[in-house]
N, C-alpha and C. Protein backbone atom coordinates (compact mmCIF):
# COMPACT_ATOMS: atom_id res chain seq x y z
N MET A 1 118.28 67.52 117.08
CA MET A 1 116.75 68.35 116.75
C MET A 1 117.23 69.22 116.07
N THR A 2 117.24 69.78 114.58
CA THR A 2 117.70 70.77 114.11
C THR A 2 116.71 71.38 113.13
N GLU A 3 116.22 72.80 113.16
CA GLU A 3 115.40 73.43 112.31
C GLU A 3 116.14 74.17 111.45
N GLU A 4 115.98 74.77 110.18
CA GLU A 4 116.64 75.70 109.33
C GLU A 4 115.71 76.07 108.64
N ILE A 5 115.08 77.28 108.91
CA ILE A 5 114.13 78.02 107.94
C ILE A 5 115.04 79.01 107.63
N ILE A 6 113.73 79.25 106.07
CA ILE A 6 114.44 80.65 105.17
C ILE A 6 112.85 81.15 105.50
N ILE A 7 112.62 82.55 105.64
CA ILE A 7 111.70 83.42 105.38
C ILE A 7 112.13 84.51 104.75
N ALA A 8 111.47 84.85 103.60
CA ALA A 8 111.34 85.41 102.46
C ALA A 8 110.61 86.09 101.74
N GLY A 9 110.79 87.43 101.53
CA GLY A 9 109.26 88.01 100.36
C GLY A 9 110.35 89.39 100.49
N PHE A 10 109.68 90.46 100.18
CA PHE A 10 109.70 92.31 100.22
C PHE A 10 110.04 92.56 101.38
N GLY A 11 110.75 93.84 101.58
CA GLY A 11 110.69 94.58 102.74
C GLY A 11 109.67 95.36 102.97
N GLY A 12 109.45 95.40 104.17
CA GLY A 12 108.39 96.52 105.12
C GLY A 12 107.25 94.91 104.68
N GLN A 13 107.14 93.62 104.62
CA GLN A 13 106.47 92.61 105.50
C GLN A 13 106.65 92.22 106.01
N GLY A 14 107.59 92.11 107.09
CA GLY A 14 107.92 91.57 108.38
C GLY A 14 108.81 90.55 108.12
N VAL A 15 109.47 90.33 107.35
CA VAL A 15 110.01 89.02 107.26
C VAL A 15 111.23 89.23 107.81
N LEU A 16 112.10 90.18 108.41
CA LEU A 16 113.00 90.46 109.86
C LEU A 16 112.67 90.04 110.99
N SER A 17 111.16 90.72 110.98
CA SER A 17 110.61 90.25 112.20
C SER A 17 109.58 89.36 112.92
N MET A 18 109.43 88.47 111.67
CA MET A 18 109.25 86.59 111.46
C MET A 18 110.37 86.42 112.32
N GLY A 19 111.68 86.27 111.56
CA GLY A 19 112.79 85.59 111.92
C GLY A 19 112.80 86.25 113.26
N LYS A 20 112.78 87.05 114.02
CA LYS A 20 113.23 87.46 115.37
C LYS A 20 112.65 86.67 116.02
N ILE A 21 111.15 87.27 115.57
CA ILE A 21 110.36 86.35 116.66
C ILE A 21 110.75 84.85 117.35
N ILE A 22 111.10 84.14 115.68
CA ILE A 22 111.18 82.99 116.20
C ILE A 22 112.49 82.44 116.43
N ALA A 23 113.37 83.58 116.40
CA ALA A 23 114.62 83.16 116.93
C ALA A 23 114.35 83.47 118.55
N TYR A 24 113.63 84.77 118.98
CA TYR A 24 113.67 85.08 120.76
C TYR A 24 113.05 83.15 121.06
N SER A 25 111.78 83.22 120.21
CA SER A 25 111.13 81.46 120.74
C SER A 25 111.96 80.61 121.10
N GLY A 26 112.88 80.44 120.29
CA GLY A 26 114.01 79.44 120.68
C GLY A 26 114.99 79.55 121.89
N LEU A 27 115.22 80.91 121.63
CA LEU A 27 116.29 81.38 122.99
C LEU A 27 115.25 81.62 123.74
N MET A 28 114.45 81.57 124.61
CA MET A 28 113.66 81.07 125.39
C MET A 28 113.44 79.70 125.63
N GLN A 29 113.22 78.50 124.52
CA GLN A 29 112.98 77.42 124.81
C GLN A 29 114.63 76.49 125.25
N GLY A 30 115.17 77.39 125.50
CA GLY A 30 117.15 76.92 125.90
C GLY A 30 117.54 76.40 124.51
N LEU A 31 117.24 76.71 123.38
CA LEU A 31 117.66 76.29 122.03
C LEU A 31 119.03 76.94 121.38
N GLU A 32 119.99 76.64 120.94
CA GLU A 32 121.08 77.28 120.21
C GLU A 32 120.21 77.96 118.93
N VAL A 33 120.88 79.14 118.70
CA VAL A 33 119.92 79.74 117.55
C VAL A 33 120.52 80.92 116.85
N SER A 34 120.60 81.15 115.57
CA SER A 34 121.62 81.74 115.00
C SER A 34 120.25 82.43 114.14
N TRP A 35 120.50 83.74 113.59
CA TRP A 35 119.03 84.70 112.98
C TRP A 35 120.60 85.59 111.92
N MET A 36 120.44 85.10 111.09
CA MET A 36 121.03 86.05 109.64
C MET A 36 120.63 86.36 108.66
N PRO A 37 119.70 88.04 108.43
CA PRO A 37 118.93 88.82 107.25
C PRO A 37 119.98 88.59 106.12
N SER A 38 119.12 89.13 105.00
CA SER A 38 120.07 89.63 104.06
C SER A 38 118.56 90.29 103.13
N TYR A 39 119.02 91.70 102.81
CA TYR A 39 118.07 92.66 102.36
C TYR A 39 119.00 93.58 101.83
N GLY A 40 118.46 94.31 100.24
CA GLY A 40 118.98 95.08 99.67
C GLY A 40 118.93 96.47 100.31
N PRO A 41 119.93 97.41 99.65
CA PRO A 41 120.30 99.01 100.27
C PRO A 41 118.94 99.78 100.63
N GLU A 42 117.64 98.92 100.07
CA GLU A 42 116.42 99.87 99.51
C GLU A 42 115.76 99.30 101.03
N ILE A 43 115.34 98.89 100.93
CA ILE A 43 114.70 97.96 102.45
C ILE A 43 113.73 97.35 102.37
N ARG A 44 112.42 98.53 102.32
CA ARG A 44 111.04 98.85 101.99
C ARG A 44 111.14 98.35 100.48
N GLY A 45 110.82 97.52 100.42
CA GLY A 45 110.02 97.56 99.05
C GLY A 45 110.88 96.25 97.91
N GLY A 46 112.66 96.43 98.77
CA GLY A 46 113.03 95.27 97.99
C GLY A 46 112.92 93.96 98.28
N THR A 47 113.97 93.12 97.65
CA THR A 47 113.70 91.41 98.44
C THR A 47 114.25 91.70 99.73
N ALA A 48 114.20 91.21 100.77
CA ALA A 48 114.41 90.62 102.26
C ALA A 48 114.14 89.17 102.44
N ASN A 49 115.44 88.32 103.20
CA ASN A 49 115.08 86.94 103.33
C ASN A 49 116.03 87.30 105.03
N VAL A 50 115.57 86.44 105.60
CA VAL A 50 116.25 85.50 106.92
C VAL A 50 116.24 84.18 107.43
N THR A 51 117.47 84.38 107.29
CA THR A 51 117.81 82.43 108.06
C THR A 51 117.39 82.37 109.38
N VAL A 52 116.70 81.38 109.76
CA VAL A 52 116.93 81.38 111.63
C VAL A 52 117.25 79.34 111.46
N ILE A 53 118.59 79.22 112.40
CA ILE A 53 118.63 77.98 112.47
C ILE A 53 118.33 77.79 114.31
N LEU A 54 117.54 76.61 114.71
CA LEU A 54 117.05 76.33 115.59
C LEU A 54 117.71 74.76 116.24
N SER A 55 118.49 74.78 117.03
CA SER A 55 119.17 73.45 117.25
C SER A 55 119.30 72.89 118.81
N ASP A 56 119.44 72.03 119.01
CA ASP A 56 119.27 71.47 120.61
C ASP A 56 121.11 70.85 121.00
N SER A 57 121.69 71.48 119.82
CA SER A 57 122.91 71.49 119.61
C SER A 57 124.08 72.56 119.11
N ARG A 58 125.16 72.48 118.85
CA ARG A 58 125.94 73.62 118.68
C ARG A 58 125.91 73.59 117.03
N ILE A 59 125.22 75.06 116.87
CA ILE A 59 125.68 75.47 115.06
C ILE A 59 126.62 76.11 114.07
N SER A 60 127.31 75.04 113.89
CA SER A 60 128.30 75.06 113.22
C SER A 60 128.93 76.67 112.07
N SER A 61 127.17 76.99 111.59
CA SER A 61 127.98 78.29 110.48
C SER A 61 126.07 78.48 109.88
N PRO A 62 126.10 79.69 110.01
CA PRO A 62 124.46 80.09 109.71
C PRO A 62 124.07 80.65 108.28
N ILE A 63 125.43 79.66 107.12
CA ILE A 63 125.07 79.54 105.99
C ILE A 63 124.01 78.06 105.52
N LEU A 64 123.64 78.09 105.18
CA LEU A 64 123.08 77.45 104.57
C LEU A 64 122.17 77.11 103.12
N GLN A 65 122.46 75.81 102.11
CA GLN A 65 122.19 76.03 100.75
C GLN A 65 120.88 74.83 100.86
N LYS A 66 120.53 74.64 101.76
CA LYS A 66 119.23 74.08 101.70
C LYS A 66 118.69 74.10 102.93
N PHE A 67 117.50 73.92 103.45
CA PHE A 67 116.03 74.51 103.84
C PHE A 67 115.32 73.47 104.95
N SER A 68 114.80 73.48 105.96
CA SER A 68 114.10 72.52 106.22
C SER A 68 112.76 72.87 106.55
N THR A 69 113.05 74.38 106.06
CA THR A 69 111.05 75.31 106.32
C THR A 69 111.41 76.04 105.45
N ALA A 70 110.45 76.34 104.42
CA ALA A 70 110.56 77.86 104.27
C ALA A 70 109.36 78.59 103.74
N ILE A 71 109.45 79.60 104.40
CA ILE A 71 108.24 80.86 104.55
C ILE A 71 108.09 81.96 103.32
N ILE A 72 107.54 81.37 102.30
CA ILE A 72 107.67 82.47 101.07
C ILE A 72 106.69 83.53 101.05
N LEU A 73 106.54 84.77 101.14
CA LEU A 73 105.57 86.03 100.93
C LEU A 73 105.67 86.16 99.15
N ASN A 74 106.44 86.28 98.24
CA ASN A 74 106.54 87.14 97.42
C ASN A 74 106.96 85.68 96.02
N GLN A 75 106.50 85.99 94.78
CA GLN A 75 107.16 84.81 93.73
C GLN A 75 108.42 85.19 93.49
N GLN A 76 109.19 86.11 93.39
CA GLN A 76 110.84 86.34 93.62
C GLN A 76 110.88 85.06 94.81
N SER A 77 110.60 85.09 95.55
CA SER A 77 111.41 84.07 96.47
C SER A 77 110.98 82.86 96.26
N MET A 78 109.99 82.61 95.99
CA MET A 78 109.20 81.21 96.02
C MET A 78 110.11 80.68 94.33
N ASP A 79 110.36 81.72 93.34
CA ASP A 79 111.52 81.03 92.15
C ASP A 79 112.51 80.73 93.12
N LYS A 80 113.22 81.72 93.99
CA LYS A 80 114.65 81.18 94.43
C LYS A 80 114.45 79.93 95.49
N PHE A 81 113.48 80.27 96.03
CA PHE A 81 114.12 79.18 97.58
C PHE A 81 112.89 77.66 97.52
N GLU A 82 111.97 77.95 96.85
CA GLU A 82 111.57 76.14 96.43
C GLU A 82 112.19 75.36 96.05
N PRO A 83 113.03 75.52 94.86
CA PRO A 83 114.09 74.14 94.78
C PRO A 83 115.04 74.18 96.52
N MET A 84 115.22 75.03 97.19
CA MET A 84 116.50 74.75 98.27
C MET A 84 115.19 74.39 99.43
N VAL A 85 114.22 73.80 99.33
CA VAL A 85 113.65 73.11 100.78
C VAL A 85 114.28 71.14 100.31
N LYS A 86 114.60 71.13 101.82
CA LYS A 86 115.57 69.72 101.26
C LYS A 86 113.35 68.68 100.92
N PRO A 87 114.08 67.58 100.68
CA PRO A 87 112.98 66.90 100.35
C PRO A 87 112.33 66.38 102.06
N GLY A 88 111.14 66.05 102.38
CA GLY A 88 110.47 66.07 102.99
C GLY A 88 109.91 67.29 104.37
N GLY A 89 110.72 68.68 103.83
CA GLY A 89 110.22 69.77 104.07
C GLY A 89 109.28 70.54 104.33
N VAL A 90 109.05 71.62 104.50
CA VAL A 90 107.39 72.72 104.72
C VAL A 90 108.20 73.54 104.02
N LEU A 91 106.91 73.77 103.19
CA LEU A 91 107.07 75.12 102.37
C LEU A 91 105.74 75.94 102.67
N ILE A 92 105.47 77.16 103.33
CA ILE A 92 104.39 77.68 103.35
C ILE A 92 104.71 79.21 102.87
N TYR A 93 103.35 78.88 101.64
CA TYR A 93 103.63 80.56 101.55
C TYR A 93 102.14 81.09 101.48
N THR A 94 101.69 82.29 101.14
CA THR A 94 100.63 83.09 100.68
C THR A 94 100.20 83.57 99.46
N PRO A 95 99.73 82.57 99.15
CA PRO A 95 98.51 82.65 97.76
C PRO A 95 98.21 84.38 97.16
N SER A 96 98.14 84.74 97.74
CA SER A 96 97.63 86.48 97.03
C SER A 96 98.68 86.92 96.36
N THR A 97 100.01 86.54 96.83
CA THR A 97 101.09 87.08 96.11
C THR A 97 101.99 86.66 95.34
N ILE A 98 101.46 85.42 95.22
CA ILE A 98 102.58 84.08 94.41
C ILE A 98 101.43 83.82 92.92
N THR A 99 102.17 84.01 91.93
CA THR A 99 101.33 83.66 91.05
C THR A 99 101.47 82.28 90.09
N ARG A 100 102.71 82.17 90.39
CA ARG A 100 103.27 80.61 90.08
C ARG A 100 103.60 79.65 91.12
N LYS A 101 102.20 78.68 91.11
CA LYS A 101 101.93 78.43 92.86
C LYS A 101 103.42 77.04 92.36
N PRO A 102 103.62 76.65 94.31
CA PRO A 102 104.97 75.46 93.92
C PRO A 102 104.47 74.58 93.41
N THR A 103 105.28 73.45 92.84
CA THR A 103 104.59 72.44 92.45
C THR A 103 105.55 70.54 92.75
N ARG A 104 105.88 71.08 93.82
CA ARG A 104 107.20 70.16 94.33
C ARG A 104 106.01 69.23 95.08
N THR A 105 106.41 67.72 94.68
CA THR A 105 105.63 66.92 95.53
C THR A 105 105.94 66.01 96.76
N ASP A 106 107.95 66.51 96.53
CA ASP A 106 107.91 65.97 98.07
C ASP A 106 108.53 66.12 99.00
N ILE A 107 107.54 67.40 99.15
CA ILE A 107 107.52 68.02 100.56
C ILE A 107 106.06 68.31 100.19
N THR A 108 105.91 68.74 101.62
CA THR A 108 104.50 69.39 102.20
C THR A 108 104.07 71.22 102.44
N ILE A 109 103.41 71.64 101.08
CA ILE A 109 102.64 72.64 101.10
C ILE A 109 101.80 73.05 101.95
N TYR A 110 101.82 74.22 102.45
CA TYR A 110 100.84 74.42 102.81
C TYR A 110 100.18 76.14 102.49
N PRO A 111 99.34 76.82 101.63
CA PRO A 111 98.46 78.03 101.26
C PRO A 111 98.09 78.94 102.42
N ILE A 112 99.15 79.59 102.67
CA ILE A 112 98.11 80.58 104.30
C ILE A 112 97.61 81.84 103.82
N LYS A 113 96.50 82.57 103.79
CA LYS A 113 96.29 83.39 103.71
C LYS A 113 96.65 84.62 104.38
N ALA A 114 97.37 84.78 104.66
CA ALA A 114 98.28 85.55 105.61
C ALA A 114 97.10 86.97 105.47
N ILE A 115 98.13 87.98 104.40
CA ILE A 115 97.58 88.71 104.35
C ILE A 115 95.94 89.14 104.73
N GLU A 116 94.78 88.46 103.55
CA GLU A 116 93.39 88.34 104.19
C GLU A 116 93.40 88.47 105.35
N GLU A 117 93.96 87.90 106.25
CA GLU A 117 93.80 87.31 107.64
C GLU A 117 93.90 88.35 108.26
N ALA A 118 94.93 89.17 107.95
CA ALA A 118 95.39 90.32 108.77
C ALA A 118 94.52 91.66 108.32
N ALA A 119 94.75 91.82 107.12
CA ALA A 119 93.70 92.66 106.44
C ALA A 119 92.22 92.72 107.38
N GLY A 120 91.42 91.24 107.84
CA GLY A 120 90.15 91.03 108.86
C GLY A 120 90.29 91.56 109.36
N SER A 121 91.70 90.64 110.56
CA SER A 121 91.59 91.57 112.00
C SER A 121 92.40 92.76 112.18
N THR A 122 92.54 93.65 110.43
CA THR A 122 93.16 94.88 111.26
C THR A 122 91.38 95.54 111.24
N CYS A 123 90.84 95.73 110.00
CA CYS A 123 89.27 96.13 109.62
C CYS A 123 88.10 95.69 110.84
N LEU A 124 88.64 94.53 111.68
CA LEU A 124 87.54 94.14 112.89
C LEU A 124 88.24 95.35 113.97
N LEU A 125 89.38 95.28 113.86
CA LEU A 125 89.77 96.31 115.46
C LEU A 125 89.58 97.78 115.37
N MET A 126 89.62 97.96 113.77
CA MET A 126 89.73 99.59 113.44
C MET A 126 88.14 99.49 113.82
N ARG A 127 86.91 98.37 113.54
CA ARG A 127 86.00 99.04 114.00
C ARG A 127 85.30 99.46 115.25
N ARG A 128 86.19 97.58 115.65
CA ARG A 128 85.78 98.17 117.79
C ARG A 128 86.43 99.21 118.49
N LEU A 129 87.63 99.66 117.25
CA LEU A 129 88.49 101.31 118.25
C LEU A 129 87.20 102.36 117.83
N LEU A 130 86.62 102.28 116.74
CA LEU A 130 86.24 103.74 115.97
C LEU A 130 84.85 103.33 116.99
N ARG A 131 84.03 102.01 117.41
CA ARG A 131 83.11 102.03 118.18
C ARG A 131 83.59 102.71 119.65
N LEU A 132 84.42 102.36 120.29
CA LEU A 132 84.85 102.51 121.88
C LEU A 132 84.97 104.11 121.83
N VAL A 133 86.19 104.78 120.63
CA VAL A 133 86.12 106.38 120.30
C VAL A 133 84.64 107.08 120.12
N TRP A 134 83.70 106.69 119.29
CA TRP A 134 82.82 107.40 118.71
C TRP A 134 81.72 106.60 119.25
N ASN A 135 81.45 105.89 119.89
CA ASN A 135 80.42 105.28 120.53
C ASN A 135 79.24 104.49 119.01
N TRP A 136 80.40 104.23 118.34
CA TRP A 136 79.48 103.76 116.79
C TRP A 136 79.16 102.24 116.42
C-alpha cells in the first residue's frame, strides 16, 4: 500500500501543518513516511504545498509527478494539481476559495466547506469562552 498525497494552498492556511499531521499519523502506524514541503520566501500569503508519501514498503524518492490524493485550498493549486491526480484518485477541495470547480470524471471529487466549518467552530468556541469568563 502506498498513498501519495499533495496538499496545496496559500501560506498561512495550515498546508504544512496538515502534511505533518498526516506524516506523524503514518509514523505512529509503523509506515514508511516522506514529508517534503515547498513554499516561497514570503511564506504567509505565498503559495505553499507539501508532498506526503505513506507506504508499507521503502520509499525510493519523495519527488512525484502524479498523486493518489490531492487536498486543494486555492485556485492556483487547483489549476496546477488537478491534472496531476492519478485516474481513480481523490481530489478534496474547499469550494469557498475555488472559482473554477474541478471537471475531471476519472477521479472522485469531494468539496469540503472547511473554512466555513472552522469559522463556525471558532465562533461557537468563542461564545463558550465568553460565557465562562463573563457569565454570558
